[in-house]
């Protein structure tokens, strides 16, 4: 979601440079490792200014080429017979599948990949069924939602900044712009 939002911000504010660091590691805002952070958890550092923007919705998706080969699962139990794509180390996909009632562990995933871009390419290429952001998955030609009646996984989205937000008009402007645009883009 961020690249088109940053493109609009850059067009409106030509004097601002961006360092986009997509990572699951937590930058220390108090040590100025970043001015603003988008987090999928409530920031724990004290003296931060934080705002919950909403929840980011996720669902199961597969390439139509995969579904033509293997068929559309009709129940959660049917997923066990399909090639599943998920993360290798943090277990988020396996955990989400368990909340749907599918007993699965890491070894139940045919494709394990911690790099989100590579996992997205595996999904788009027709390797199997995986989890994707609802907005991204539904907008992607060649992908179809799998078991759309199942519960949507969601993660909270928080925006955080160090206390300079109160004294820097520039940081405050970027924070407000991101908060507004990200909150509108979220699908729960």
N, C-alpha and C. Protein backbone atom coordinates (compact mmCIF):
# COMPACT_ATOMS: atom_id res chain seq x y z
N UNK A 1 0.80 -1.21 0.00
CA UNK A 1 0.00 0.00 0.00
C UNK A 1 0.84 1.26 0.00
N UNK A 2 2.03 1.19 0.55
CA UNK A 2 2.82 2.41 0.72
C UNK A 2 3.34 3.06 -0.57
N UNK A 3 3.83 2.31 -1.55
CA UNK A 3 4.41 3.00 -2.72
C UNK A 3 3.49 4.02 -3.40
N UNK A 4 2.21 3.71 -3.70
CA UNK A 4 1.40 4.76 -4.32
C UNK A 4 1.13 5.95 -3.38
N UNK A 5 1.05 5.66 -2.09
CA UNK A 5 0.84 6.75 -1.12
C UNK A 5 2.08 7.64 -1.08
N UNK A 6 3.26 7.01 -1.07
CA UNK A 6 4.50 7.80 -1.06
C UNK A 6 4.67 8.57 -2.36
N UNK A 7 4.22 8.02 -3.49
CA UNK A 7 4.30 8.74 -4.76
C UNK A 7 3.46 10.02 -4.69
N UNK A 8 2.26 9.91 -4.12
CA UNK A 8 1.41 11.10 -3.97
C UNK A 8 2.03 12.11 -3.03
N UNK A 9 2.61 11.63 -1.94
CA UNK A 9 3.26 12.53 -0.99
C UNK A 9 4.47 13.21 -1.62
N UNK A 10 5.25 12.46 -2.38
CA UNK A 10 6.42 13.04 -3.05
C UNK A 10 6.02 14.11 -4.07
N UNK A 11 4.91 13.88 -4.76
CA UNK A 11 4.43 14.87 -5.72
C UNK A 11 3.98 16.14 -5.01
N UNK A 12 3.36 15.99 -3.84
CA UNK A 12 2.89 17.14 -3.08
C UNK A 12 4.02 17.84 -2.33
N UNK A 13 5.06 17.09 -1.98
CA UNK A 13 6.18 17.61 -1.18
C UNK A 13 7.50 17.26 -1.84
N UNK A 14 7.93 17.97 -2.88
CA UNK A 14 9.15 17.60 -3.61
C UNK A 14 10.43 17.69 -2.78
N UNK A 15 10.42 18.35 -1.64
CA UNK A 15 11.62 18.48 -0.83
C UNK A 15 11.84 17.35 0.16
N UNK A 16 10.95 16.39 0.20
CA UNK A 16 11.08 15.30 1.16
C UNK A 16 11.70 14.08 0.46
N UNK A 17 12.72 13.50 1.10
CA UNK A 17 13.32 12.26 0.64
C UNK A 17 12.80 11.12 1.52
N UNK A 18 12.80 9.92 0.96
CA UNK A 18 12.22 8.77 1.65
C UNK A 18 13.23 7.64 1.76
N UNK A 19 13.31 7.03 2.92
CA UNK A 19 14.01 5.77 3.12
C UNK A 19 12.96 4.77 3.54
N UNK A 20 12.53 3.93 2.62
CA UNK A 20 11.54 2.91 2.91
C UNK A 20 12.28 1.63 3.29
N UNK A 21 12.03 1.16 4.50
CA UNK A 21 12.73 -0.02 5.01
C UNK A 21 11.69 -1.09 5.35
N UNK A 22 11.32 -1.92 4.36
CA UNK A 22 10.35 -2.97 4.67
C UNK A 22 11.03 -4.10 5.44
N UNK A 23 10.67 -4.21 6.70
CA UNK A 23 11.33 -5.19 7.56
C UNK A 23 10.42 -5.53 8.72
N UNK A 24 10.56 -6.74 9.21
CA UNK A 24 9.84 -7.12 10.42
C UNK A 24 10.60 -6.73 11.68
N UNK A 25 11.84 -6.27 11.52
CA UNK A 25 12.60 -5.84 12.70
C UNK A 25 12.10 -4.47 13.13
N UNK A 26 12.26 -4.20 14.39
CA UNK A 26 11.71 -2.99 14.99
C UNK A 26 12.79 -1.90 15.07
N UNK A 27 12.67 -0.87 14.22
CA UNK A 27 13.60 0.26 14.30
C UNK A 27 13.33 1.04 15.58
N UNK A 28 14.38 1.53 16.19
CA UNK A 28 14.24 2.29 17.42
C UNK A 28 14.00 3.75 17.06
N UNK A 29 12.77 4.18 17.22
CA UNK A 29 12.41 5.55 16.88
C UNK A 29 13.05 6.56 17.83
N UNK A 30 13.24 6.17 19.06
CA UNK A 30 13.82 7.10 20.03
C UNK A 30 15.29 7.39 19.73
N UNK A 31 15.98 6.44 19.10
CA UNK A 31 17.37 6.67 18.70
C UNK A 31 17.46 7.21 17.28
N UNK A 32 16.31 7.60 16.73
CA UNK A 32 16.21 8.22 15.41
C UNK A 32 16.64 7.28 14.29
N UNK A 33 16.41 5.98 14.47
CA UNK A 33 16.65 5.03 13.39
C UNK A 33 15.59 5.20 12.30
N UNK A 34 14.51 5.88 12.64
CA UNK A 34 13.45 6.25 11.69
C UNK A 34 12.68 7.41 12.28
N UNK A 35 12.06 8.20 11.43
CA UNK A 35 11.21 9.29 11.91
C UNK A 35 9.79 8.80 12.16
N UNK A 36 9.32 7.93 11.26
CA UNK A 36 7.96 7.41 11.33
C UNK A 36 8.02 5.93 11.00
N UNK A 37 7.21 5.15 11.70
CA UNK A 37 7.16 3.71 11.44
C UNK A 37 5.71 3.25 11.32
N UNK A 38 5.49 2.35 10.38
CA UNK A 38 4.21 1.65 10.28
C UNK A 38 4.45 0.28 10.88
N UNK A 39 3.64 -0.06 11.88
CA UNK A 39 3.86 -1.29 12.62
C UNK A 39 2.60 -2.14 12.61
N UNK A 40 2.79 -3.44 12.65
CA UNK A 40 1.68 -4.38 12.70
C UNK A 40 1.46 -4.86 14.14
N UNK A 41 1.90 -4.07 15.08
CA UNK A 41 1.72 -4.35 16.50
C UNK A 41 1.77 -3.00 17.21
N UNK A 42 1.22 -2.93 18.40
CA UNK A 42 1.26 -1.68 19.16
C UNK A 42 2.70 -1.43 19.59
N UNK A 43 3.26 -0.28 19.21
CA UNK A 43 4.64 0.03 19.61
C UNK A 43 4.78 0.05 21.12
N UNK A 44 5.89 -0.49 21.61
CA UNK A 44 6.10 -0.65 23.05
C UNK A 44 7.04 0.39 23.64
N UNK A 45 7.79 1.09 22.82
CA UNK A 45 8.72 2.07 23.36
C UNK A 45 7.93 3.22 24.00
N UNK A 46 8.46 3.70 25.12
CA UNK A 46 7.79 4.83 25.76
C UNK A 46 8.15 6.12 25.01
N UNK A 47 7.43 7.15 25.27
CA UNK A 47 7.65 8.47 24.69
C UNK A 47 7.45 8.51 23.18
N UNK A 48 6.65 7.61 22.65
CA UNK A 48 6.31 7.65 21.24
C UNK A 48 4.90 8.19 21.07
N UNK A 49 4.67 8.79 19.95
CA UNK A 49 3.32 9.19 19.57
C UNK A 49 2.81 8.10 18.64
N UNK A 50 1.70 7.47 19.00
CA UNK A 50 1.18 6.36 18.22
C UNK A 50 -0.29 6.59 17.89
N UNK A 51 -0.69 6.04 16.76
CA UNK A 51 -2.09 6.09 16.36
C UNK A 51 -2.44 4.77 15.68
N UNK A 52 -3.51 4.14 16.17
CA UNK A 52 -4.00 2.93 15.50
C UNK A 52 -4.83 3.38 14.31
N UNK A 53 -4.48 2.83 13.13
CA UNK A 53 -5.14 3.24 11.90
C UNK A 53 -6.29 2.32 11.52
N UNK A 54 -6.28 1.11 12.02
CA UNK A 54 -7.30 0.14 11.67
C UNK A 54 -6.68 -1.24 11.61
N UNK A 55 -7.32 -2.11 10.87
CA UNK A 55 -6.84 -3.48 10.71
C UNK A 55 -6.62 -3.77 9.23
N UNK A 56 -5.56 -4.48 8.95
CA UNK A 56 -5.26 -4.90 7.59
C UNK A 56 -5.79 -6.31 7.41
N UNK A 57 -6.71 -6.48 6.47
CA UNK A 57 -7.33 -7.77 6.24
C UNK A 57 -6.55 -8.64 5.27
N UNK A 58 -6.56 -9.93 5.53
CA UNK A 58 -5.89 -10.93 4.70
C UNK A 58 -6.87 -12.05 4.39
N UNK A 59 -6.66 -12.71 3.26
CA UNK A 59 -7.46 -13.86 2.89
C UNK A 59 -6.62 -14.87 2.14
N UNK A 60 -7.21 -15.99 1.82
CA UNK A 60 -6.54 -17.03 1.05
C UNK A 60 -6.74 -16.77 -0.44
N UNK A 61 -5.67 -16.90 -1.21
CA UNK A 61 -5.72 -16.67 -2.65
C UNK A 61 -4.90 -17.72 -3.37
N UNK A 62 -5.22 -17.90 -4.64
CA UNK A 62 -4.44 -18.77 -5.53
C UNK A 62 -4.55 -18.22 -6.94
N UNK A 63 -3.55 -18.51 -7.74
CA UNK A 63 -3.61 -18.14 -9.15
C UNK A 63 -4.68 -18.99 -9.82
N UNK A 64 -5.37 -18.39 -10.77
CA UNK A 64 -6.40 -19.16 -11.48
C UNK A 64 -5.77 -20.35 -12.21
N UNK A 65 -4.53 -20.23 -12.65
CA UNK A 65 -3.85 -21.36 -13.31
C UNK A 65 -3.69 -22.54 -12.34
N UNK A 66 -3.39 -22.25 -11.08
CA UNK A 66 -3.28 -23.31 -10.06
C UNK A 66 -4.65 -23.95 -9.85
N UNK A 67 -5.68 -23.12 -9.71
CA UNK A 67 -7.03 -23.64 -9.45
C UNK A 67 -7.55 -24.46 -10.63
N UNK A 68 -7.18 -24.09 -11.86
CA UNK A 68 -7.57 -24.88 -13.02
C UNK A 68 -6.93 -26.26 -12.99
N UNK A 69 -5.69 -26.34 -12.51
CA UNK A 69 -4.97 -27.62 -12.40
C UNK A 69 -5.48 -28.46 -11.25
N UNK A 70 -5.66 -27.84 -10.10
CA UNK A 70 -5.89 -28.59 -8.86
C UNK A 70 -7.33 -28.51 -8.34
N UNK A 71 -8.12 -27.58 -8.85
CA UNK A 71 -9.49 -27.42 -8.39
C UNK A 71 -9.58 -26.46 -7.21
N UNK A 72 -10.76 -25.92 -7.04
CA UNK A 72 -11.03 -24.98 -5.95
C UNK A 72 -11.42 -25.76 -4.70
N UNK A 73 -10.70 -25.56 -3.59
CA UNK A 73 -11.12 -26.22 -2.34
C UNK A 73 -12.50 -25.72 -1.94
N UNK A 74 -13.31 -26.64 -1.43
CA UNK A 74 -14.66 -26.26 -1.02
C UNK A 74 -14.79 -26.09 0.48
N UNK A 75 -13.86 -26.69 1.23
CA UNK A 75 -13.88 -26.58 2.69
C UNK A 75 -12.46 -26.32 3.18
N UNK A 76 -12.37 -25.91 4.43
CA UNK A 76 -11.05 -25.70 5.04
C UNK A 76 -10.28 -27.02 5.06
N UNK A 77 -10.96 -28.12 5.32
CA UNK A 77 -10.29 -29.43 5.34
C UNK A 77 -9.66 -29.77 3.99
N UNK A 78 -10.26 -29.30 2.90
CA UNK A 78 -9.72 -29.56 1.56
C UNK A 78 -8.34 -28.93 1.37
N UNK A 79 -8.01 -27.91 2.13
CA UNK A 79 -6.71 -27.25 1.98
C UNK A 79 -5.55 -28.20 2.25
N UNK A 80 -5.78 -29.21 3.08
CA UNK A 80 -4.71 -30.16 3.42
C UNK A 80 -4.21 -30.92 2.19
N UNK A 81 -5.04 -31.03 1.15
CA UNK A 81 -4.64 -31.74 -0.06
C UNK A 81 -4.04 -30.80 -1.11
N UNK A 82 -3.86 -29.54 -0.76
CA UNK A 82 -3.34 -28.56 -1.72
C UNK A 82 -1.92 -28.13 -1.36
N UNK A 83 -1.25 -27.57 -2.35
CA UNK A 83 0.09 -27.00 -2.13
C UNK A 83 -0.08 -25.65 -1.46
N UNK A 84 0.44 -25.53 -0.25
CA UNK A 84 0.29 -24.30 0.52
C UNK A 84 1.61 -23.53 0.53
N UNK A 85 1.47 -22.21 0.51
CA UNK A 85 2.62 -21.30 0.55
C UNK A 85 2.56 -20.56 1.89
N UNK A 86 3.68 -20.51 2.60
CA UNK A 86 3.69 -19.79 3.87
C UNK A 86 5.09 -19.42 4.29
N UNK A 87 5.16 -18.77 5.41
CA UNK A 87 6.45 -18.31 5.93
C UNK A 87 7.20 -19.48 6.58
N UNK A 88 8.49 -19.34 6.62
CA UNK A 88 9.34 -20.41 7.13
C UNK A 88 9.55 -20.34 8.63
N UNK A 89 9.86 -19.15 9.15
CA UNK A 89 10.28 -19.06 10.55
C UNK A 89 9.26 -18.48 11.51
N UNK A 90 8.48 -17.47 11.11
CA UNK A 90 7.65 -16.83 12.13
C UNK A 90 6.30 -17.50 12.36
N UNK A 91 5.87 -18.38 11.49
CA UNK A 91 4.69 -19.18 11.74
C UNK A 91 3.36 -18.47 11.63
N UNK A 92 3.32 -17.27 11.06
CA UNK A 92 2.06 -16.53 10.98
C UNK A 92 1.03 -17.24 10.11
N UNK A 93 1.43 -17.77 8.97
CA UNK A 93 0.49 -18.42 8.07
C UNK A 93 -0.04 -19.70 8.70
N UNK A 94 0.83 -20.51 9.27
CA UNK A 94 0.39 -21.74 9.94
C UNK A 94 -0.57 -21.41 11.07
N UNK A 95 -0.26 -20.39 11.84
CA UNK A 95 -1.13 -19.97 12.94
C UNK A 95 -2.50 -19.52 12.42
N UNK A 96 -2.50 -18.76 11.34
CA UNK A 96 -3.76 -18.30 10.75
C UNK A 96 -4.58 -19.48 10.24
N UNK A 97 -3.94 -20.44 9.61
CA UNK A 97 -4.66 -21.62 9.12
C UNK A 97 -5.22 -22.44 10.26
N UNK A 98 -4.50 -22.49 11.36
CA UNK A 98 -5.01 -23.21 12.55
C UNK A 98 -6.26 -22.54 13.11
N UNK A 99 -6.31 -21.20 13.06
CA UNK A 99 -7.51 -20.51 13.56
C UNK A 99 -8.73 -20.84 12.71
N UNK A 100 -8.51 -21.25 11.47
CA UNK A 100 -9.62 -21.67 10.62
C UNK A 100 -10.04 -23.12 10.90
N UNK A 101 -9.22 -23.83 11.68
CA UNK A 101 -9.53 -25.22 12.01
C UNK A 101 -8.71 -26.23 11.24
N UNK A 102 -7.72 -25.79 10.48
CA UNK A 102 -6.87 -26.72 9.74
C UNK A 102 -5.66 -27.05 10.59
N UNK A 103 -5.53 -28.32 10.98
CA UNK A 103 -4.37 -28.74 11.76
C UNK A 103 -3.18 -28.86 10.81
N UNK A 104 -2.25 -27.96 10.98
CA UNK A 104 -1.10 -27.91 10.09
C UNK A 104 0.10 -27.41 10.86
N UNK A 105 1.27 -27.86 10.43
CA UNK A 105 2.51 -27.32 10.98
C UNK A 105 3.36 -26.87 9.79
N UNK A 106 4.54 -26.43 10.09
CA UNK A 106 5.46 -25.90 9.08
C UNK A 106 5.67 -26.89 7.94
N UNK A 107 5.78 -28.17 8.28
CA UNK A 107 6.04 -29.20 7.26
C UNK A 107 4.85 -29.39 6.33
N UNK A 108 3.67 -28.90 6.72
CA UNK A 108 2.50 -28.98 5.85
C UNK A 108 2.51 -27.97 4.72
N UNK A 109 3.45 -27.05 4.76
CA UNK A 109 3.58 -26.06 3.70
C UNK A 109 4.51 -26.61 2.62
N UNK A 110 4.05 -26.63 1.40
CA UNK A 110 4.93 -27.12 0.33
C UNK A 110 6.00 -26.08 0.02
N UNK A 111 5.63 -24.82 0.07
CA UNK A 111 6.56 -23.72 -0.18
C UNK A 111 6.69 -22.88 1.08
N UNK A 112 7.91 -22.78 1.59
CA UNK A 112 8.19 -21.98 2.78
C UNK A 112 9.15 -20.86 2.38
N UNK A 113 8.76 -19.63 2.69
CA UNK A 113 9.56 -18.48 2.26
C UNK A 113 9.27 -17.31 3.19
N UNK A 114 10.31 -16.76 3.78
CA UNK A 114 10.13 -15.62 4.68
C UNK A 114 10.14 -14.28 3.95
N UNK A 115 10.58 -14.25 2.71
CA UNK A 115 10.58 -13.01 1.95
C UNK A 115 9.19 -12.81 1.34
N UNK A 116 8.52 -11.73 1.73
CA UNK A 116 7.15 -11.52 1.30
C UNK A 116 7.03 -11.33 -0.22
N UNK A 117 8.01 -10.65 -0.82
CA UNK A 117 7.96 -10.45 -2.26
C UNK A 117 8.10 -11.79 -2.99
N UNK A 118 9.03 -12.62 -2.56
CA UNK A 118 9.20 -13.93 -3.20
C UNK A 118 7.95 -14.80 -2.99
N UNK A 119 7.36 -14.75 -1.80
CA UNK A 119 6.14 -15.51 -1.53
C UNK A 119 5.00 -15.03 -2.43
N UNK A 120 4.92 -13.73 -2.63
CA UNK A 120 3.91 -13.15 -3.53
C UNK A 120 4.11 -13.67 -4.96
N UNK A 121 5.37 -13.75 -5.39
CA UNK A 121 5.66 -14.26 -6.73
C UNK A 121 5.33 -15.75 -6.85
N UNK A 122 5.56 -16.51 -5.78
CA UNK A 122 5.16 -17.93 -5.78
C UNK A 122 3.65 -18.05 -5.97
N UNK A 123 2.91 -17.21 -5.26
CA UNK A 123 1.45 -17.22 -5.36
C UNK A 123 1.01 -16.84 -6.77
N UNK A 124 1.53 -15.74 -7.29
CA UNK A 124 1.17 -15.27 -8.63
C UNK A 124 1.55 -16.29 -9.71
N UNK A 125 2.61 -17.03 -9.49
CA UNK A 125 3.10 -17.99 -10.49
C UNK A 125 2.31 -19.29 -10.52
N UNK A 126 1.39 -19.46 -9.60
CA UNK A 126 0.56 -20.66 -9.61
C UNK A 126 1.14 -21.83 -8.84
N UNK A 127 2.02 -21.54 -7.89
CA UNK A 127 2.63 -22.62 -7.11
C UNK A 127 1.68 -23.23 -6.09
N UNK A 128 0.74 -22.45 -5.59
CA UNK A 128 -0.15 -22.99 -4.57
C UNK A 128 -1.08 -21.93 -4.02
N UNK A 129 -1.63 -22.21 -2.86
CA UNK A 129 -2.56 -21.33 -2.15
C UNK A 129 -1.79 -20.64 -1.04
N UNK A 130 -1.98 -19.34 -0.91
CA UNK A 130 -1.29 -18.59 0.13
C UNK A 130 -2.15 -17.47 0.67
N UNK A 131 -1.61 -16.78 1.63
CA UNK A 131 -2.29 -15.66 2.27
C UNK A 131 -1.79 -14.37 1.63
N UNK A 132 -2.73 -13.46 1.34
CA UNK A 132 -2.38 -12.16 0.78
C UNK A 132 -3.29 -11.10 1.36
N UNK A 133 -2.83 -9.86 1.32
CA UNK A 133 -3.68 -8.75 1.72
C UNK A 133 -4.93 -8.76 0.83
N UNK A 134 -6.09 -8.51 1.42
CA UNK A 134 -7.33 -8.53 0.64
C UNK A 134 -7.28 -7.54 -0.52
N UNK A 135 -6.84 -6.33 -0.27
CA UNK A 135 -6.79 -5.32 -1.33
C UNK A 135 -5.85 -5.74 -2.44
N UNK A 136 -4.70 -6.27 -2.08
CA UNK A 136 -3.71 -6.67 -3.07
C UNK A 136 -4.18 -7.90 -3.84
N UNK A 137 -4.69 -8.88 -3.14
CA UNK A 137 -5.12 -10.12 -3.78
C UNK A 137 -6.30 -9.92 -4.71
N UNK A 138 -7.28 -9.12 -4.29
CA UNK A 138 -8.47 -8.93 -5.13
C UNK A 138 -8.16 -8.04 -6.33
N UNK A 139 -7.15 -7.20 -6.24
CA UNK A 139 -6.80 -6.32 -7.35
C UNK A 139 -5.88 -6.98 -8.38
N UNK A 140 -5.30 -8.11 -8.02
CA UNK A 140 -4.32 -8.76 -8.90
C UNK A 140 -5.01 -9.62 -9.96
N UNK A 141 -4.84 -9.27 -11.25
CA UNK A 141 -5.41 -10.13 -12.29
C UNK A 141 -4.78 -11.52 -12.22
N UNK A 142 -5.58 -12.52 -12.43
CA UNK A 142 -5.05 -13.88 -12.41
C UNK A 142 -5.08 -14.55 -11.06
N UNK A 143 -5.51 -13.83 -10.02
CA UNK A 143 -5.68 -14.43 -8.69
C UNK A 143 -7.16 -14.54 -8.36
N UNK A 144 -7.50 -15.55 -7.59
CA UNK A 144 -8.88 -15.71 -7.12
C UNK A 144 -8.86 -15.95 -5.62
N UNK A 145 -9.86 -15.45 -4.95
CA UNK A 145 -10.00 -15.67 -3.51
C UNK A 145 -10.44 -17.10 -3.28
N UNK A 146 -9.79 -17.78 -2.38
CA UNK A 146 -10.11 -19.16 -2.02
C UNK A 146 -10.89 -19.15 -0.72
N UNK A 147 -11.97 -19.89 -0.67
CA UNK A 147 -12.83 -19.96 0.51
C UNK A 147 -13.19 -18.56 1.02
N UNK A 148 -13.82 -17.75 0.17
CA UNK A 148 -14.10 -16.37 0.58
C UNK A 148 -15.05 -16.25 1.76
N UNK A 149 -15.78 -17.32 2.06
CA UNK A 149 -16.70 -17.27 3.20
C UNK A 149 -15.99 -17.50 4.53
N UNK A 150 -14.70 -17.88 4.49
CA UNK A 150 -13.95 -18.10 5.73
C UNK A 150 -13.61 -16.76 6.37
N UNK A 151 -13.30 -16.83 7.63
CA UNK A 151 -12.93 -15.62 8.37
C UNK A 151 -11.71 -14.97 7.74
N UNK A 152 -11.69 -13.67 7.81
CA UNK A 152 -10.55 -12.90 7.33
C UNK A 152 -9.55 -12.78 8.46
N UNK A 153 -8.28 -13.00 8.15
CA UNK A 153 -7.23 -12.76 9.13
C UNK A 153 -7.01 -11.25 9.14
N UNK A 154 -6.67 -10.72 10.27
CA UNK A 154 -6.37 -9.28 10.28
C UNK A 154 -5.23 -9.00 11.25
N UNK A 155 -4.55 -7.92 10.95
CA UNK A 155 -3.47 -7.46 11.80
C UNK A 155 -3.70 -5.97 12.05
N UNK A 156 -3.46 -5.52 13.27
CA UNK A 156 -3.61 -4.09 13.53
C UNK A 156 -2.50 -3.31 12.83
N UNK A 157 -2.83 -2.11 12.43
CA UNK A 157 -1.84 -1.23 11.79
C UNK A 157 -1.71 0.02 12.65
N UNK A 158 -0.48 0.27 13.08
CA UNK A 158 -0.17 1.41 13.93
C UNK A 158 0.83 2.31 13.22
N UNK A 159 0.68 3.59 13.42
CA UNK A 159 1.66 4.56 12.95
C UNK A 159 2.32 5.15 14.19
N UNK A 160 3.65 5.23 14.17
CA UNK A 160 4.38 5.70 15.34
C UNK A 160 5.45 6.69 14.92
N UNK A 161 5.72 7.62 15.82
CA UNK A 161 6.77 8.60 15.59
C UNK A 161 7.39 8.99 16.93
N UNK A 162 8.59 9.49 16.87
CA UNK A 162 9.22 10.00 18.09
C UNK A 162 8.56 11.32 18.46
N UNK A 163 8.90 11.85 19.59
CA UNK A 163 8.22 13.05 20.10
C UNK A 163 8.50 14.31 19.28
N UNK A 164 9.45 14.26 18.36
CA UNK A 164 9.71 15.42 17.50
C UNK A 164 8.48 15.76 16.65
N UNK A 165 7.57 14.82 16.57
CA UNK A 165 6.33 15.06 15.84
C UNK A 165 5.65 16.34 16.35
N UNK A 166 5.80 16.59 17.64
CA UNK A 166 5.16 17.78 18.22
C UNK A 166 5.84 19.08 17.80
N UNK A 167 7.13 19.02 17.47
CA UNK A 167 7.86 20.26 17.18
C UNK A 167 8.26 20.42 15.71
N UNK A 168 8.18 19.37 14.93
CA UNK A 168 8.58 19.44 13.53
C UNK A 168 7.34 19.44 12.64
N UNK A 169 7.09 20.56 11.98
CA UNK A 169 5.93 20.66 11.09
C UNK A 169 6.05 19.65 9.95
N UNK A 170 7.26 19.43 9.49
CA UNK A 170 7.48 18.51 8.37
C UNK A 170 7.13 17.06 8.77
N UNK A 171 7.63 16.61 9.92
CA UNK A 171 7.33 15.24 10.38
C UNK A 171 5.83 15.12 10.68
N UNK A 172 5.25 16.14 11.30
CA UNK A 172 3.83 16.12 11.61
C UNK A 172 2.99 16.04 10.33
N UNK A 173 3.40 16.77 9.29
CA UNK A 173 2.68 16.73 8.02
C UNK A 173 2.73 15.33 7.39
N UNK A 174 3.91 14.73 7.36
CA UNK A 174 4.05 13.40 6.78
C UNK A 174 3.26 12.38 7.60
N UNK A 175 3.33 12.47 8.92
CA UNK A 175 2.59 11.58 9.80
C UNK A 175 1.09 11.68 9.50
N UNK A 176 0.56 12.88 9.42
CA UNK A 176 -0.87 13.08 9.16
C UNK A 176 -1.27 12.56 7.78
N UNK A 177 -0.42 12.83 6.79
CA UNK A 177 -0.69 12.36 5.43
C UNK A 177 -0.75 10.84 5.40
N UNK A 178 0.26 10.19 6.00
CA UNK A 178 0.29 8.73 6.03
C UNK A 178 -0.89 8.17 6.82
N UNK A 179 -1.20 8.77 7.95
CA UNK A 179 -2.31 8.29 8.77
C UNK A 179 -3.61 8.34 7.99
N UNK A 180 -3.86 9.43 7.30
CA UNK A 180 -5.09 9.58 6.54
C UNK A 180 -5.16 8.58 5.40
N UNK A 181 -4.12 8.51 4.59
CA UNK A 181 -4.15 7.66 3.40
C UNK A 181 -4.12 6.17 3.74
N UNK A 182 -3.34 5.77 4.73
CA UNK A 182 -3.30 4.36 5.12
C UNK A 182 -4.63 3.92 5.73
N UNK A 183 -5.22 4.76 6.57
CA UNK A 183 -6.50 4.41 7.20
C UNK A 183 -7.57 4.20 6.13
N UNK A 184 -7.57 5.01 5.07
CA UNK A 184 -8.54 4.84 3.99
C UNK A 184 -8.28 3.59 3.17
N UNK A 185 -7.03 3.16 3.09
CA UNK A 185 -6.67 2.01 2.25
C UNK A 185 -6.89 0.67 2.95
N UNK A 186 -7.04 0.67 4.26
CA UNK A 186 -7.18 -0.59 4.99
C UNK A 186 -8.52 -1.23 4.73
N UNK A 187 -8.49 -2.55 4.57
CA UNK A 187 -9.71 -3.35 4.46
C UNK A 187 -9.67 -4.33 5.61
N UNK A 188 -10.65 -4.27 6.44
CA UNK A 188 -10.69 -5.18 7.59
C UNK A 188 -11.42 -6.44 7.24
